[in-house]
Protein backbone atom coordinates (compact mmCIF):
# COMPACT_ATOMS: atom_id res chain seq x y z
CA MET A 1 10.61 -176.07 -38.67
CA ILE A 2 7.14 -174.82 -39.57
CA LYS A 3 7.37 -171.54 -41.47
CA ILE A 4 4.30 -169.33 -41.56
CA ASN A 5 4.17 -166.38 -43.95
CA ILE A 6 1.33 -163.94 -43.38
CA LYS A 7 0.40 -161.28 -45.91
CA LYS A 8 -2.70 -159.11 -46.11
CA ASN A 9 -4.78 -161.59 -48.12
CA HIS A 10 -2.60 -164.70 -48.14
CA ILE A 11 -1.26 -167.10 -45.54
CA GLU A 12 1.18 -169.90 -46.31
CA ILE A 13 2.22 -172.57 -43.84
CA LYS A 14 4.87 -175.11 -44.75
CA GLY A 15 7.25 -177.56 -43.19
CA HIS A 16 7.23 -179.85 -40.20
CA ALA A 17 7.97 -178.88 -36.60
CA MET A 18 10.39 -181.76 -35.98
CA TYR A 19 9.45 -181.61 -32.30
CA ASP A 20 8.92 -185.38 -32.21
CA ASP A 21 8.51 -188.35 -34.55
CA LYS A 22 5.81 -188.19 -37.22
CA GLY A 23 2.49 -189.10 -35.65
CA LYS A 24 3.67 -188.00 -32.20
CA ASP A 25 4.54 -184.38 -32.94
CA ILE A 26 2.30 -182.22 -30.74
CA VAL A 27 3.48 -178.99 -32.39
CA CYS A 28 2.52 -180.17 -35.89
CA ALA A 29 -0.77 -181.45 -34.50
CA ALA A 30 -1.51 -178.13 -32.81
CA VAL A 31 -0.76 -176.07 -35.93
CA SER A 32 -2.81 -178.41 -38.12
CA THR A 33 -5.74 -178.32 -35.71
CA ILE A 34 -5.75 -174.53 -35.45
CA VAL A 35 -5.51 -174.00 -39.20
CA ILE A 36 -7.94 -176.69 -40.37
CA THR A 37 -10.52 -175.74 -37.73
CA THR A 38 -10.33 -172.13 -38.90
CA VAL A 39 -10.61 -173.06 -42.57
CA ASN A 40 -13.58 -175.34 -41.88
CA ALA A 41 -15.35 -172.68 -39.80
CA ILE A 42 -14.96 -170.03 -42.49
CA ILE A 43 -16.15 -172.40 -45.22
CA ARG A 44 -19.14 -173.44 -43.12
CA PHE A 45 -20.32 -169.82 -43.03
CA ASP A 46 -19.26 -168.77 -46.54
CA LYS A 47 -17.56 -171.16 -48.95
CA ASN A 48 -16.55 -168.21 -51.15
CA ALA A 49 -14.72 -166.29 -48.40
CA ILE A 50 -11.44 -168.17 -48.85
CA LYS A 51 -9.66 -170.46 -51.26
CA TYR A 52 -7.19 -172.97 -49.88
CA GLU A 53 -4.80 -175.67 -50.99
CA GLU A 54 -3.54 -178.40 -48.69
CA LYS A 55 -0.81 -181.02 -49.16
CA ASP A 56 1.44 -182.86 -46.74
CA GLY A 57 3.32 -180.22 -44.80
CA PHE A 58 1.80 -177.32 -46.74
CA ILE A 59 -1.32 -175.18 -46.69
CA SER A 60 -2.02 -172.00 -48.58
CA ILE A 61 -5.00 -169.77 -47.77
CA ASP A 62 -6.17 -166.93 -49.99
CA ILE A 63 -8.59 -164.58 -48.24
CA LEU A 64 -11.15 -163.54 -50.83
CA LYS A 65 -13.63 -161.59 -48.68
CA ASP A 66 -13.04 -158.76 -46.26
CA ASP A 67 -15.87 -159.24 -43.79
CA LYS A 68 -16.15 -159.27 -40.00
CA LEU A 69 -16.54 -163.03 -39.55
CA THR A 70 -13.70 -164.03 -41.88
CA ASN A 71 -11.40 -161.37 -40.43
CA THR A 72 -12.20 -162.40 -36.85
CA LEU A 73 -11.55 -166.10 -37.51
CA ILE A 74 -8.29 -165.40 -39.39
CA LEU A 75 -7.10 -163.03 -36.64
CA ASN A 76 -7.91 -165.64 -34.01
CA MET A 77 -5.95 -168.26 -35.96
CA ILE A 78 -2.94 -165.94 -36.25
CA GLU A 79 -3.01 -165.11 -32.54
CA LEU A 80 -3.14 -168.82 -31.63
CA LEU A 81 -0.22 -169.57 -33.96
CA LYS A 82 1.78 -166.70 -32.40
CA GLU A 83 1.16 -168.19 -28.95
CA LEU A 84 2.54 -171.51 -30.18
CA GLU A 85 5.55 -169.73 -31.66
CA LEU A 86 6.30 -168.21 -28.24
CA GLN A 87 6.25 -171.67 -26.65
CA TYR A 88 8.09 -173.52 -29.44
CA LYS A 89 10.58 -171.02 -30.91
CA LYS A 90 12.76 -173.81 -32.33
CA ASN A 91 9.83 -175.33 -34.19
CA ILE A 92 7.71 -172.44 -35.52
CA LYS A 93 8.73 -169.21 -37.24
CA ILE A 94 6.15 -166.60 -38.26
CA ASN A 95 6.94 -163.90 -40.79
CA GLU A 96 4.24 -161.25 -40.95
CA GLU A 97 4.24 -158.54 -43.58
CA VAL A 98 2.79 -155.33 -42.21
CA GLN A 99 0.68 -153.40 -44.70
């Protein structure tokens, strides 16, 4: 299962969906695509807006700037991940801390 922990200035995504075999798992591919596209877009506009670490089955994003563009892209990413969670409840679990 992919576990996504969302805090005010930090997002951590870890695990594998186990929807299908490695290389064929559409849930893992969807999560990876959403997250990496968001990270790349933010960095393209402002490389100092976030700091991230990526390893196999793990990504950690620290949000360093509180600006409209970064917030909009992060919110969009979270909404897309929540949509996936609705469709694949056995494969994705989001824990969001409200602050």
